[in-house]
C-alpha atoms as a PDB file:
ATOM      1  CA  MET A   1      16.215  -8.250   2.101  1.00  0.00           C
ATOM      2  CA  SER A   2      14.845 -11.785   2.013  1.00  0.00           C
ATOM      3  CA  THR A   3      13.062 -13.214   5.030  1.00  0.00           C
ATOM      4  CA  ASN A   4      13.868 -16.765   3.952  1.00  0.00           C
ATOM      5  CA  ILE A   5      17.044 -16.971   5.998  1.00  0.00           C
ATOM      6  CA  PRO A   6      18.789 -20.363   6.185  1.00  0.00           C
ATOM      7  CA  ASP A   7      20.091 -21.394   9.585  1.00  0.00           C
ATOM      8  CA  ASN A   8      23.543 -22.307   8.296  1.00  0.00           C
ATOM      9  CA  GLY A   9      25.581 -20.112  10.651  1.00  0.00           C
ATOM     10  CA  LYS A  10      27.224 -18.234   7.758  1.00  0.00           C
ATOM     11  CA  LEU A  11      26.370 -14.843   6.328  1.00  0.00           C
ATOM     12  CA  ASN A  12      25.514 -15.453   2.681  1.00  0.00           C
ATOM     13  CA  ILE A  13      25.892 -12.593   0.237  1.00  0.00           C
ATOM     14  CA  VAL A  14      23.336 -14.221  -2.092  1.00  0.00           C
ATOM     15  CA  ILE A  15      20.746 -13.285   0.529  1.00  0.00           C
ATOM     16  CA  PHE A  16      22.277 -10.327   2.344  1.00  0.00           C
ATOM     17  CA  ASN A  17      23.829  -7.085   1.227  1.00  0.00           C
ATOM     18  CA  LEU A  18      27.096  -7.505   3.096  1.00  0.00           C
ATOM     19  CA  ILE A  19      29.466  -4.539   3.456  1.00  0.00           C
ATOM     20  CA  LEU A  20      32.927  -4.770   5.014  1.00  0.00           C
ATOM     21  CA  ILE A  21      34.588  -1.526   6.144  1.00  0.00           C
ATOM     22  CA  ASN A  22      38.251  -1.465   7.137  1.00  0.00           C
ATOM     23  CA  PRO A  23      40.844   1.342   7.212  1.00  0.00           C
ATOM     24  CA  ARG A  24      43.578  -0.853   5.687  1.00  0.00           C
ATOM     25  CA  PRO A  25      43.448  -2.184   2.123  1.00  0.00           C
ATOM     26  CA  TYR A  26      44.157  -5.716   3.301  1.00  0.00           C
ATOM     27  CA  ARG A  27      43.974  -7.950   6.327  1.00  0.00           C
ATOM     28  CA  ILE A  28      47.210  -8.328   8.303  1.00  0.00           C
ATOM     29  CA  HIS A  29      48.085 -11.577  10.068  1.00  0.00           C
ATOM     30  CA  LEU A  30      49.025 -10.203  13.483  1.00  0.00           C
ATOM     31  CA  VAL A  31      50.587 -13.497  14.585  1.00  0.00           C
ATOM     32  CA  ALA A  32      53.350 -12.850  12.045  1.00  0.00           C
ATOM     33  CA  CYS A  33      53.986  -9.246  13.012  1.00  0.00           C
ATOM     34  CA  ALA A  34      56.677  -9.771  15.652  1.00  0.00           C
ATOM     35  CA  ARG A  35      58.861 -11.449  13.029  1.00  0.00           C
ATOM     36  CA  MET A  36      57.827  -9.137  10.225  1.00  0.00           C
ATOM     37  CA  VAL A  37      58.720  -5.885  12.009  1.00  0.00           C
ATOM     38  CA  VAL A  38      62.184  -7.128  13.040  1.00  0.00           C
ATOM     39  CA  SER A  39      63.400  -8.171   9.580  1.00  0.00           C
ATOM     40  CA  ASP A  40      62.348  -9.215   6.088  1.00  0.00           C
ATOM     41  CA  ARG A  41      63.067 -12.853   6.870  1.00  0.00           C
ATOM     42  CA  ASP A  42      60.665 -15.232   5.092  1.00  0.00           C
ATOM     43  CA  GLU A  43      59.304 -12.282   3.043  1.00  0.00           C
ATOM     44  CA  LEU A  44      56.210 -12.237   5.211  1.00  0.00           C
ATOM     45  CA  THR A  45      54.677  -9.242   3.465  1.00  0.00           C
ATOM     46  CA  LYS A  46      53.911 -11.652   0.595  1.00  0.00           C
ATOM     47  CA  SER A  47      51.975 -14.080   2.787  1.00  0.00           C
ATOM     48  CA  ALA A  48      50.842 -12.207   5.921  1.00  0.00           C
ATOM     49  CA  PHE A  49      48.885  -9.568   3.982  1.00  0.00           C
ATOM     50  CA  ALA A  50      45.648 -10.688   2.337  1.00  0.00           C
ATOM     51  CA  ALA A  51      43.383  -8.549   0.190  1.00  0.00           C
ATOM     52  CA  TYR A  52      39.643  -8.833   0.730  1.00  0.00           C
ATOM     53  CA  ASP A  53      38.956 -10.053  -2.820  1.00  0.00           C
ATOM     54  CA  HIS A  54      38.049 -13.581  -1.743  1.00  0.00           C
ATOM     55  CA  VAL A  55      36.279 -13.125   1.581  1.00  0.00           C
ATOM     56  CA  PHE A  56      32.757 -12.757   0.175  1.00  0.00           C
ATOM     57  CA  TYR A  57      30.530 -15.649  -0.778  1.00  0.00           C
ATOM     58  CA  ASN A  58      30.843 -16.121  -4.550  1.00  0.00           C
ATOM     59  CA  GLY A  59      32.800 -12.863  -4.590  1.00  0.00           C
ATOM     60  CA  LYS A  60      29.607 -10.862  -4.063  1.00  0.00           C
ATOM     61  CA  GLY A  61      29.998  -8.200  -1.440  1.00  0.00           C
ATOM     62  CA  THR A  62      31.302  -4.702  -0.977  1.00  0.00           C
ATOM     63  CA  PHE A  63      34.600  -3.718   0.597  1.00  0.00           C
ATOM     64  CA  ILE A  64      35.059  -0.073   1.570  1.00  0.00           C
ATOM     65  CA  GLN A  65      38.483   1.139   2.678  1.00  0.00           C
ATOM     66  CA  ALA A  66      37.607   3.764   5.242  1.00  0.00           C
ATOM     67  CA  THR A  67      37.465   4.491   8.958  1.00  0.00           C
ATOM     68  CA  VAL A  68      34.129   4.560  10.756  1.00  0.00           C
ATOM     69  CA  THR A  69      33.977   7.693  12.907  1.00  0.00           C
ATOM     70  CA  SER A  70      30.556   7.292  14.536  1.00  0.00           C
ATOM     71  CA  ILE A  71      27.441   5.173  14.799  1.00  0.00           C
ATOM     72  CA  ASN A  72      24.142   6.987  14.289  1.00  0.00           C
ATOM     73  CA  LYS A  73      20.653   5.961  15.319  1.00  0.00           C
ATOM     74  CA  ASN A  74      17.592   7.923  14.244  1.00  0.00           C
ATOM     75  CA  GLU A  75      13.988   6.824  14.699  1.00  0.00           C
ATOM     76  CA  LYS A  76      12.958   8.360  11.381  1.00  0.00           C
ATOM     77  CA  THR A  77      15.907   7.622   9.111  1.00  0.00           C
ATOM     78  CA  GLY A  78      17.191   4.433  10.730  1.00  0.00           C
ATOM     79  CA  ALA A  79      20.711   3.443  11.754  1.00  0.00           C
ATOM     80  CA  SER A  80      23.926   4.231   9.918  1.00  0.00           C
ATOM     81  CA  VAL A  81      27.666   4.610  10.313  1.00  0.00           C
ATOM     82  CA  THR A  82      29.584   7.713   9.305  1.00  0.00           C
ATOM     83  CA  LEU A  83      32.902   7.290   7.484  1.00  0.00           C
ATOM     84  CA  ASP A  84      35.917   9.580   7.666  1.00  0.00           C
ATOM     85  CA  SER A  85      34.969  10.766   4.168  1.00  0.00           C
ATOM     86  CA  GLY A  86      31.653  12.037   5.544  1.00  0.00           C
ATOM     87  CA  GLU A  87      29.636   9.361   3.753  1.00  0.00           C
ATOM     88  CA  GLU A  88      26.893   7.614   5.711  1.00  0.00           C
ATOM     89  CA  ILE A  89      26.265   3.885   5.266  1.00  0.00           C
ATOM     90  CA  PRO A  90      22.877   2.613   6.515  1.00  0.00           C
ATOM     91  CA  PHE A  91      22.565  -0.751   8.241  1.00  0.00           C
ATOM     92  CA  HIS A  92      19.997  -3.176   9.604  1.00  0.00           C
ATOM     93  CA  VAL A  93      22.643  -5.062  11.572  1.00  0.00           C
ATOM     94  CA  LEU A  94      26.087  -3.810  12.524  1.00  0.00           C
ATOM     95  CA  VAL A  95      28.951  -6.046  13.619  1.00  0.00           C
ATOM     96  CA  VAL A  96      31.874  -4.249  15.267  1.00  0.00           C
ATOM     97  CA  ALA A  97      35.234  -6.049  15.367  1.00  0.00           C
ATOM     98  CA  THR A  98      37.708  -3.184  15.498  1.00  0.00           C
ATOM     99  CA  GLY A  99      40.325  -5.052  17.541  1.00  0.00           C
ATOM    100  CA  SER A 100      43.079  -3.549  19.643  1.00  0.00           C
ATOM    101  CA  LYS A 101      45.257  -0.470  19.537  1.00  0.00           C
ATOM    102  CA  TRP A 102      48.883  -1.541  19.701  1.00  0.00           C
ATOM    103  CA  SER A 103      51.952   0.254  20.949  1.00  0.00           C
ATOM    104  CA  GLY A 104      55.433   0.270  19.476  1.00  0.00           C
ATOM    105  CA  PRO A 105      56.410  -1.489  16.234  1.00  0.00           C
ATOM    106  CA  LEU A 106      53.082  -3.340  15.939  1.00  0.00           C
ATOM    107  CA  ASP A 107      51.200  -0.035  15.706  1.00  0.00           C
ATOM    108  CA  LEU A 108      51.050  -0.267  11.933  1.00  0.00           C
ATOM    109  CA  PRO A 109      49.595   2.624   9.904  1.00  0.00           C
ATOM    110  CA  ASN A 110      46.701   2.170   7.486  1.00  0.00           C
ATOM    111  CA  SER A 111      47.795   2.918   3.922  1.00  0.00           C
ATOM    112  CA  ALA A 112      49.848   0.420   1.929  1.00  0.00           C
ATOM    113  CA  ASP A 113      52.685   2.892   1.270  1.00  0.00           C
ATOM    114  CA  ALA A 114      52.823   3.942   4.920  1.00  0.00           C
ATOM    115  CA  ILE A 115      52.969   0.304   6.051  1.00  0.00           C
ATOM    116  CA  THR A 116      55.907  -0.363   3.731  1.00  0.00           C
ATOM    117  CA  GLU A 117      57.762   2.697   5.035  1.00  0.00           C
ATOM    118  CA  TRP A 118      56.936   1.752   8.645  1.00  0.00           C
ATOM    119  CA  LEU A 119      58.345  -1.749   8.231  1.00  0.00           C
ATOM    120  CA  ASP A 120      61.494  -0.465   6.533  1.00  0.00           C
ATOM    121  CA  ASN A 121      62.117   1.971   9.389  1.00  0.00           C
ATOM    122  CA  ARG A 122      61.443  -0.531  12.183  1.00  0.00           C
ATOM    123  CA  ARG A 123      63.682  -3.146  10.588  1.00  0.00           C
ATOM    124  CA  LYS A 124      66.491  -0.637  10.237  1.00  0.00           C
ATOM    125  CA  GLU A 125      66.138   0.289  13.925  1.00  0.00           C
ATOM    126  CA  PHE A 126      66.448  -3.327  15.019  1.00  0.00           C
ATOM    127  CA  ARG A 127      69.322  -3.991  12.626  1.00  0.00           C
ATOM    128  CA  ASP A 128      71.338  -0.911  13.578  1.00  0.00           C
ATOM    129  CA  ALA A 129      70.769  -1.061  17.332  1.00  0.00           C
ATOM    130  CA  LYS A 130      73.766  -2.018  19.467  1.00  0.00           C
ATOM    131  CA  SER A 131      71.651  -2.904  22.505  1.00  0.00           C
ATOM    132  CA  ILE A 132      67.881  -3.187  22.913  1.00  0.00           C
ATOM    133  CA  VAL A 133      65.438  -2.786  25.788  1.00  0.00           C
ATOM    134  CA  ILE A 134      61.918  -4.143  25.329  1.00  0.00           C
ATOM    135  CA  ALA A 135      59.378  -2.462  27.605  1.00  0.00           C
ATOM    136  CA  GLY A 136      56.925  -5.208  28.502  1.00  0.00           C
ATOM    137  CA  GLY A 137      57.243  -8.927  29.038  1.00  0.00           C
ATOM    138  CA  GLY A 138      53.976 -10.099  27.576  1.00  0.00           C
ATOM    139  CA  ALA A 139      53.760 -12.422  24.600  1.00  0.00           C
ATOM    140  CA  VAL A 140      54.673  -9.704  22.081  1.00  0.00           C
ATOM    141  CA  GLY A 141      57.699  -8.513  24.045  1.00  0.00           C
ATOM    142  CA  VAL A 142      59.020 -12.065  24.454  1.00  0.00           C
ATOM    143  CA  GLU A 143      58.469 -12.888  20.785  1.00  0.00           C
ATOM    144  CA  LEU A 144      60.241  -9.713  19.639  1.00  0.00           C
ATOM    145  CA  ALA A 145      63.222 -10.611  21.826  1.00  0.00           C
ATOM    146  CA  GLY A 146      63.366 -14.102  20.338  1.00  0.00           C
ATOM    147  CA  GLU A 147      63.309 -12.774  16.785  1.00  0.00           C
ATOM    148  CA  VAL A 148      66.189 -10.410  17.547  1.00  0.00           C
ATOM    149  CA  LYS A 149      68.266 -13.229  19.027  1.00  0.00           C
ATOM    150  CA  ASP A 150      67.639 -15.438  16.007  1.00  0.00           C
ATOM    151  CA  LEU A 151      69.263 -12.867  13.744  1.00  0.00           C
ATOM    152  CA  TRP A 152      71.820 -11.252  16.054  1.00  0.00           C
ATOM    153  CA  PRO A 153      72.691 -13.709  18.855  1.00  0.00           C
ATOM    154  CA  ALA A 154      75.338 -11.436  20.356  1.00  0.00           C
ATOM    155  CA  LYS A 155      73.162  -8.320  20.486  1.00  0.00           C
ATOM    156  CA  PRO A 156      72.243  -7.477  24.115  1.00  0.00           C
ATOM    157  CA  VAL A 157      68.476  -7.618  24.742  1.00  0.00           C
ATOM    158  CA  THR A 158      66.755  -6.775  28.022  1.00  0.00           C
ATOM    159  CA  ILE A 159      63.066  -7.178  28.818  1.00  0.00           C
ATOM    160  CA  VAL A 160      61.691  -4.868  31.523  1.00  0.00           C
ATOM    161  CA  HIS A 161      58.456  -6.287  32.912  1.00  0.00           C
ATOM    162  CA  GLY A 162      56.118  -4.856  35.519  1.00  0.00           C
ATOM    163  CA  ALA A 163      55.274  -8.147  37.245  1.00  0.00           C
ATOM    164  CA  ALA A 164      57.220 -10.784  39.149  1.00  0.00           C
ATOM    165  CA  LYS A 165      57.022 -13.228  36.223  1.00  0.00           C
ATOM    166  CA  LEU A 166      56.574 -12.964  32.459  1.00  0.00           C
ATOM    167  CA  LEU A 167      53.075 -12.580  31.003  1.00  0.00           C
ATOM    168  CA  ASN A 168      50.314 -12.334  33.636  1.00  0.00           C
ATOM    169  CA  ASP A 169      48.682 -14.385  36.349  1.00  0.00           C
ATOM    170  CA  THR A 170      46.083 -15.858  34.015  1.00  0.00           C
ATOM    171  CA  TYR A 171      48.744 -18.498  33.458  1.00  0.00           C
ATOM    172  CA  PRO A 172      50.227 -20.782  36.135  1.00  0.00           C
ATOM    173  CA  ASP A 173      53.722 -20.252  37.523  1.00  0.00           C
ATOM    174  CA  LYS A 174      55.005 -23.483  35.984  1.00  0.00           C
ATOM    175  CA  PHE A 175      54.339 -22.104  32.497  1.00  0.00           C
ATOM    176  CA  ARG A 176      55.696 -18.644  33.244  1.00  0.00           C
ATOM    177  CA  ASN A 177      58.853 -20.110  34.811  1.00  0.00           C
ATOM    178  CA  ARG A 178      59.376 -22.402  31.816  1.00  0.00           C
ATOM    179  CA  LEU A 179      59.011 -19.444  29.482  1.00  0.00           C
ATOM    180  CA  ALA A 180      61.543 -17.413  31.477  1.00  0.00           C
ATOM    181  CA  SER A 181      64.033 -20.287  31.319  1.00  0.00           C
ATOM    182  CA  SER A 182      63.606 -20.489  27.548  1.00  0.00           C
ATOM    183  CA  VAL A 183      64.186 -16.742  27.233  1.00  0.00           C
ATOM    184  CA  THR A 184      67.211 -16.425  29.523  1.00  0.00           C
ATOM    185  CA  ALA A 185      68.832 -19.485  27.906  1.00  0.00           C
ATOM    186  CA  ARG A 186      69.317 -17.307  24.830  1.00  0.00           C
ATOM    187  CA  GLY A 187      71.113 -14.598  26.780  1.00  0.00           C
ATOM    188  CA  ILE A 188      68.113 -12.310  27.138  1.00  0.00           C
ATOM    189  CA  ASN A 189      68.125 -10.400  30.433  1.00  0.00           C
ATOM    190  CA  ILE A 190      64.837  -9.912  32.327  1.00  0.00           C
ATOM    191  CA  ILE A 191      64.211  -7.158  34.870  1.00  0.00           C
ATOM    192  CA  TYR A 192      61.069  -7.895  36.890  1.00  0.00           C
ATOM    193  CA  ASP A 193      58.765  -5.618  38.903  1.00  0.00           C
ATOM    194  CA  ASP A 194      59.937  -2.525  37.069  1.00  0.00           C
ATOM    195  CA  TYR A 195      58.775  -0.213  34.313  1.00  0.00           C
ATOM    196  CA  ILE A 196      59.888   1.963  31.427  1.00  0.00           C
ATOM    197  CA  ASP A 197      57.706   5.039  31.712  1.00  0.00           C
ATOM    198  CA  GLU A 198      58.677   6.745  28.467  1.00  0.00           C
ATOM    199  CA  VAL A 199      60.714   6.088  25.351  1.00  0.00           C
ATOM    200  CA  PRO A 200      63.879   8.234  25.213  1.00  0.00           C
ATOM    201  CA  SER A 201      65.113  10.158  22.190  1.00  0.00           C
ATOM    202  CA  SER A 202      66.879   8.344  19.386  1.00  0.00           C
ATOM    203  CA  GLU A 203      70.236   9.786  20.539  1.00  0.00           C
ATOM    204  CA  ALA A 204      70.055   8.088  23.960  1.00  0.00           C
ATOM    205  CA  THR A 205      72.486   5.273  24.783  1.00  0.00           C
ATOM    206  CA  SER A 206      70.870   4.177  28.054  1.00  0.00           C
ATOM    207  CA  ILE A 207      67.581   4.301  29.902  1.00  0.00           C
ATOM    208  CA  LYS A 208      66.625   4.541  33.563  1.00  0.00           C
ATOM    209  CA  THR A 209      63.752   2.399  34.834  1.00  0.00           C
ATOM    210  CA  ARG A 210      61.105   3.641  37.248  1.00  0.00           C
ATOM    211  CA  ASN A 211      63.017   1.981  40.097  1.00  0.00           C
ATOM    212  CA  GLY A 212      66.223   3.774  39.139  1.00  0.00           C
ATOM    213  CA  LYS A 213      68.087   0.986  37.346  1.00  0.00           C
ATOM    214  CA  THR A 214      70.190   2.164  34.386  1.00  0.00           C
ATOM    215  CA  VAL A 215      70.293  -0.151  31.360  1.00  0.00           C
ATOM    216  CA  GLU A 216      72.391   0.373  28.233  1.00  0.00           C
ATOM    217  CA  ALA A 217      70.160   0.699  25.195  1.00  0.00           C
ATOM    218  CA  ASP A 218      70.157   2.736  22.014  1.00  0.00           C
ATOM    219  CA  LEU A 219      66.772   1.274  21.062  1.00  0.00           C
ATOM    220  CA  VAL A 220      63.795   1.063  23.432  1.00  0.00           C
ATOM    221  CA  VAL A 221      60.859  -0.904  22.046  1.00  0.00           C
ATOM    222  CA  PRO A 222      57.409  -0.356  23.598  1.00  0.00           C
ATOM    223  CA  ALA A 223      55.552  -3.638  24.083  1.00  0.00           C
ATOM    224  CA  TRP A 224      53.120  -2.443  26.735  1.00  0.00           C
ATOM    225  CA  GLY A 225      50.185  -4.441  25.506  1.00  0.00           C
ATOM    226  CA  THR A 226      46.987  -3.188  23.918  1.00  0.00           C
ATOM    227  CA  ARG A 227      43.937  -1.021  24.437  1.00  0.00           C
ATOM    228  CA  PRO A 228      40.491  -1.726  22.968  1.00  0.00           C
ATOM    229  CA  ASN A 229      39.804   0.198  19.770  1.00  0.00           C
ATOM    230  CA  THR A 230      36.300   1.301  20.728  1.00  0.00           C
ATOM    231  CA  ASP A 231      36.192   5.046  20.136  1.00  0.00           C
ATOM    232  CA  ILE A 232      33.351   4.772  17.612  1.00  0.00           C
ATOM    233  CA  LEU A 233      31.084   3.096  20.168  1.00  0.00           C
ATOM    234  CA  ALA A 234      31.353   6.046  22.533  1.00  0.00           C
ATOM    235  CA  SER A 235      28.845   7.813  20.262  1.00  0.00           C
ATOM    236  CA  LEU A 236      26.183   5.414  21.602  1.00  0.00           C
ATOM    237  CA  GLY A 237      26.563   6.746  25.143  1.00  0.00           C
ATOM    238  CA  SER A 238      28.747   6.198  28.175  1.00  0.00           C
ATOM    239  CA  SER A 239      26.859   3.082  29.288  1.00  0.00           C
ATOM    240  CA  THR A 240      28.097   1.225  26.196  1.00  0.00           C
ATOM    241  CA  LEU A 241      31.672   0.888  27.445  1.00  0.00           C
ATOM    242  CA  SER A 242      33.285  -0.364  30.640  1.00  0.00           C
ATOM    243  CA  PRO A 243      35.632   1.933  32.605  1.00  0.00           C
ATOM    244  CA  SER A 244      38.524   0.262  30.737  1.00  0.00           C
ATOM    245  CA  GLY A 245      36.969   1.002  27.360  1.00  0.00           C
ATOM    246  CA  PHE A 246      35.705  -2.492  26.513  1.00  0.00           C
ATOM    247  CA  VAL A 247      32.264  -3.013  24.977  1.00  0.00           C
ATOM    248  CA  LYS A 248      29.597  -4.375  27.296  1.00  0.00           C
ATOM    249  CA  VAL A 249      27.864  -7.281  25.579  1.00  0.00           C
ATOM    250  CA  LEU A 250      25.304  -9.954  26.309  1.00  0.00           C
ATOM    251  CA  PRO A 251      26.339 -13.631  25.996  1.00  0.00           C
ATOM    252  CA  THR A 252      24.967 -13.402  22.426  1.00  0.00           C
ATOM    253  CA  PHE A 253      27.526 -10.629  21.691  1.00  0.00           C
ATOM    254  CA  GLN A 254      24.739  -8.073  21.302  1.00  0.00           C
ATOM    255  CA  LEU A 255      24.952  -4.675  22.955  1.00  0.00           C
ATOM    256  CA  PRO A 256      22.345  -4.681  25.760  1.00  0.00           C
ATOM    257  CA  GLU A 257      20.624  -1.470  24.682  1.00  0.00           C
ATOM    258  CA  HIS A 258      21.191  -1.955  20.946  1.00  0.00           C
ATOM    259  CA  PRO A 259      20.210  -5.509  19.910  1.00  0.00           C
ATOM    260  CA  GLU A 260      20.925  -4.826  16.237  1.00  0.00           C
ATOM    261  CA  ILE A 261      24.594  -4.145  17.053  1.00  0.00           C
ATOM    262  CA  PHE A 262      26.979  -7.021  17.747  1.00  0.00           C
ATOM    263  CA  ALA A 263      30.594  -6.785  18.910  1.00  0.00           C
ATOM    264  CA  PHE A 264      33.272  -9.433  19.300  1.00  0.00           C
ATOM    265  CA  GLY A 265      37.012 -10.056  19.516  1.00  0.00           C
ATOM    266  CA  ASP A 266      39.487  -8.034  21.540  1.00  0.00           C
ATOM    267  CA  ILE A 267      37.046  -5.217  22.215  1.00  0.00           C
ATOM    268  CA  VAL A 268      34.411  -7.037  24.290  1.00  0.00           C
ATOM    269  CA  ASP A 269      34.151  -6.841  28.057  1.00  0.00           C
ATOM    270  CA  ILE A 270      34.587 -10.561  28.700  1.00  0.00           C
ATOM    271  CA  LYS A 271      37.088 -11.806  31.250  1.00  0.00           C
ATOM    272  CA  GLU A 272      39.479 -13.777  29.072  1.00  0.00           C
ATOM    273  CA  GLN A 273      42.793 -13.203  27.328  1.00  0.00           C
ATOM    274  CA  LYS A 274      42.446 -11.293  24.083  1.00  0.00           C
ATOM    275  CA  GLN A 275      43.673 -13.574  21.294  1.00  0.00           C
ATOM    276  CA  ALA A 276      43.017 -14.204  17.605  1.00  0.00           C
ATOM    277  CA  ALA A 277      41.850 -17.739  18.375  1.00  0.00           C
ATOM    278  CA  LYS A 278      39.172 -16.384  20.702  1.00  0.00           C
ATOM    279  CA  ALA A 279      37.962 -13.975  18.022  1.00  0.00           C
ATOM    280  CA  ASP A 280      37.578 -16.918  15.630  1.00  0.00           C
ATOM    281  CA  VAL A 281      35.318 -18.672  18.160  1.00  0.00           C
ATOM    282  CA  HIS A 282      33.368 -15.461  18.730  1.00  0.00           C
ATOM    283  CA  SER A 283      32.812 -14.918  15.003  1.00  0.00           C
ATOM    284  CA  GLY A 284      31.198 -18.318  14.536  1.00  0.00           C
ATOM    285  CA  ILE A 285      28.648 -17.518  17.237  1.00  0.00           C
ATOM    286  CA  VAL A 286      28.065 -13.976  15.987  1.00  0.00           C
ATOM    287  CA  SER A 287      27.374 -15.038  12.395  1.00  0.00           C
ATOM    288  CA  GLY A 288      24.733 -17.517  13.524  1.00  0.00           C
ATOM    289  CA  ASN A 289      23.190 -15.021  15.916  1.00  0.00           C
ATOM    290  CA  VAL A 290      22.990 -12.326  13.247  1.00  0.00           C
ATOM    291  CA  LEU A 291      21.022 -14.727  11.080  1.00  0.00           C
ATOM    292  CA  ALA A 292      18.769 -15.587  14.001  1.00  0.00           C
ATOM    293  CA  TYR A 293      18.198 -11.892  14.752  1.00  0.00           C
ATOM    294  CA  LEU A 294      17.252 -11.176  11.141  1.00  0.00           C
ATOM    295  CA  ALA A 295      14.944 -14.189  11.019  1.00  0.00           C
ATOM    296  CA  GLY A 296      13.009 -12.792  13.989  1.00  0.00           C
ATOM    297  CA  ALA A 297       9.969 -14.642  15.331  1.00  0.00           C
ATOM    298  CA  GLY A 298      11.738 -15.602  18.526  1.00  0.00           C
ATOM    299  CA  LYS A 299      14.556 -17.400  16.733  1.00  0.00           C
ATOM    300  CA  LYS A 300      16.864 -18.675  19.473  1.00  0.00           C
ATOM    301  CA  MET A 301      20.401 -17.353  19.646  1.00  0.00           C
ATOM    302  CA  LYS A 302      23.500 -19.073  20.947  1.00  0.00           C
ATOM    303  CA  ASN A 303      25.257 -17.876  24.096  1.00  0.00           C
ATOM    304  CA  TYR A 304      29.020 -17.686  24.410  1.00  0.00           C
ATOM    305  CA  LYS A 305      30.187 -19.706  27.394  1.00  0.00           C
ATOM    306  CA  GLY A 306      33.882 -18.848  27.329  1.00  0.00           C
ATOM    307  CA  SER A 307      36.972 -20.568  25.967  1.00  0.00           C
ATOM    308  CA  ILE A 308      39.828 -22.558  27.387  1.00  0.00           C
ATOM    309  CA  GLU A 309      42.961 -20.486  27.914  1.00  0.00           C
ATOM    310  CA  MET A 310      45.703 -21.615  25.553  1.00  0.00           C
ATOM    311  CA  ILE A 311      48.794 -19.836  24.293  1.00  0.00           C
ATOM    312  CA  VAL A 312      51.926 -20.525  22.279  1.00  0.00           C
ATOM    313  CA  VAL A 313      54.729 -17.993  22.778  1.00  0.00           C
ATOM    314  CA  THR A 314      57.473 -18.276  20.182  1.00  0.00           C
ATOM    315  CA  ASN A 315      61.158 -17.782  20.929  1.00  0.00           C
ATOM    316  CA  GLY A 316      62.444 -17.352  17.406  1.00  0.00           C
ATOM    317  CA  LYS A 317      61.773 -19.963  14.728  1.00  0.00           C
ATOM    318  CA  GLU A 318      63.104 -22.961  16.600  1.00  0.00           C
ATOM    319  CA  ASP A 319      61.829 -22.591  20.160  1.00  0.00           C
ATOM    320  CA  GLY A 320      58.930 -21.469  22.308  1.00  0.00           C
ATOM    321  CA  VAL A 321      56.669 -22.593  25.127  1.00  0.00           C
ATOM    322  CA  ALA A 322      52.963 -23.495  25.047  1.00  0.00           C
ATOM    323  CA  TYR A 323      50.247 -23.727  27.671  1.00  0.00           C
ATOM    324  CA  LEU A 324      46.992 -25.648  27.315  1.00  0.00           C
ATOM    325  CA  GLY A 325      44.464 -24.951  30.046  1.00  0.00           C
ATOM    326  CA  ILE A 326      43.037 -28.467  30.111  1.00  0.00           C
ATOM    327  CA  LEU A 327      43.298 -31.263  32.681  1.00  0.00           C
ATOM    328  CA  TRP A 328      45.952 -30.147  35.168  1.00  0.00           C
ATOM    329  CA  GLY A 329      47.289 -27.434  32.865  1.00  0.00           C
ATOM    330  CA  ILE A 330      49.714 -28.754  30.263  1.00  0.00           C
ATOM    331  CA  VAL A 331      53.015 -27.022  29.476  1.00  0.00           C
ATOM    332  CA  LEU A 332      54.798 -27.981  26.254  1.00  0.00           C
ATOM    333  CA  GLY A 333      58.191 -26.893  24.959  1.00  0.00           C
ATOM    334  CA  GLY A 334      60.006 -26.144  21.741  1.00  0.00           C
ATOM    335  CA  TRP A 335      58.997 -29.215  19.729  1.00  0.00           C
ATOM    336  CA  PHE A 336      55.312 -28.352  20.076  1.00  0.00           C
ATOM    337  CA  SER A 337      55.832 -24.628  19.547  1.00  0.00           C
ATOM    338  CA  LYS A 338      57.778 -25.252  16.330  1.00  0.00           C
ATOM    339  CA  LEU A 339      55.102 -27.612  15.053  1.00  0.00           C
ATOM    340  CA  VAL A 340      52.186 -25.309  15.814  1.00  0.00           C
ATOM    341  CA  LYS A 341      53.465 -21.746  15.469  1.00  0.00           C
ATOM    342  CA  SER A 342      57.166 -20.862  15.657  1.00  0.00           C
ATOM    343  CA  ARG A 343      58.124 -21.941  12.137  1.00  0.00           C
ATOM    344  CA  GLY A 344      54.976 -21.411  10.103  1.00  0.00           C
ATOM    345  CA  LEU A 345      53.273 -18.685  12.196  1.00  0.00           C
ATOM    346  CA  LEU A 346      49.857 -20.199  11.367  1.00  0.00           C
ATOM    347  CA  LEU A 347      50.061 -18.592   7.942  1.00  0.00           C
ATOM    348  CA  SER A 348      48.282 -21.403   6.108  1.00  0.00           C
ATOM    349  CA  GLN A 349      45.293 -21.132   8.456  1.00  0.00           C
ATOM    350  CA  PHE A 350      45.235 -17.364   8.016  1.00  0.00           C
ATOM    351  CA  ARG A 351      45.248 -17.561   4.245  1.00  0.00           C
ATOM    352  CA  THR A 352      42.576 -20.255   4.151  1.00  0.00           C
ATOM    353  CA  ALA A 353      40.339 -18.177   6.417  1.00  0.00           C
ATOM    354  CA  THR A 354      40.779 -15.222   4.059  1.00  0.00           C
ATOM    355  CA  GLY A 355      39.715 -17.308   1.066  1.00  0.00           C
ATOM    356  CA  LEU A 356      43.185 -17.769  -0.442  1.00  0.00           C
END
């Protein structure tokens, strides 16, 4: 490994032996998933899946399709990760960006064939359902409801949400109220301060909420949010993770007791909403800090100082509501949502970032 490391903020495969390990054969654009799991509209499997052929500098790098099962540190043999095949891959620096564990239709499997079958089955469920209950009124639950109404305007859809307003109190009431108005204007019913504790069998025609309210539904869709996918880091000891399972990191995104290990994205214990845009900001800092760490000699690293909270929640292809946490907190409606996300789902940005 060369010690002549340029401070360009980008990992360069000409200098480094860069290995990418991922359980799926391609990257999936999660922003497109709410639309993709409901129907084959826009043929999103052709644009929202991107192989890793072009992600390496000059095409020089190694992609391994596998699942990391543990991280190993040994004073004599050095550090390595163990794959589900049993193979061990040594490392000087490890970057962990394992993301979130999803519930419901966004909990996609790993193999290409299984993903295809999963999408076919989920789309059939949405298409055949006579009435739908979505358990969770976060961004994913709202976006799923909007996609259903785009295709089947007369199909009854109910969102059951465990708070007094949609999403969570990170966002101001004026945004959450505007979002609720956009949703109910399409005939979507919202039940607040209530929960769906379990998904009934496929033969059920109704469901009872925790508070005892009965709602007609032959399809119940879990949209309970996410959990950090951090099981592999547990092998480093209990002090590595917070009680909620997030990775404790320094402002440089290094693990406090393991400076050669960096973590970023949804899995880190930073008080902010977990979003793809945040992970993009994190990755820019991490890449520069990895270079600084390898350069040694007291090379200064950059600290992460947080990000502005922003969100665009789609309501089908033609509507949505956005919040920008600047100035007094700006709320924007359908025209902005269509321009930024609802129609194109940020696919061009995704494909550019993947080297396509």
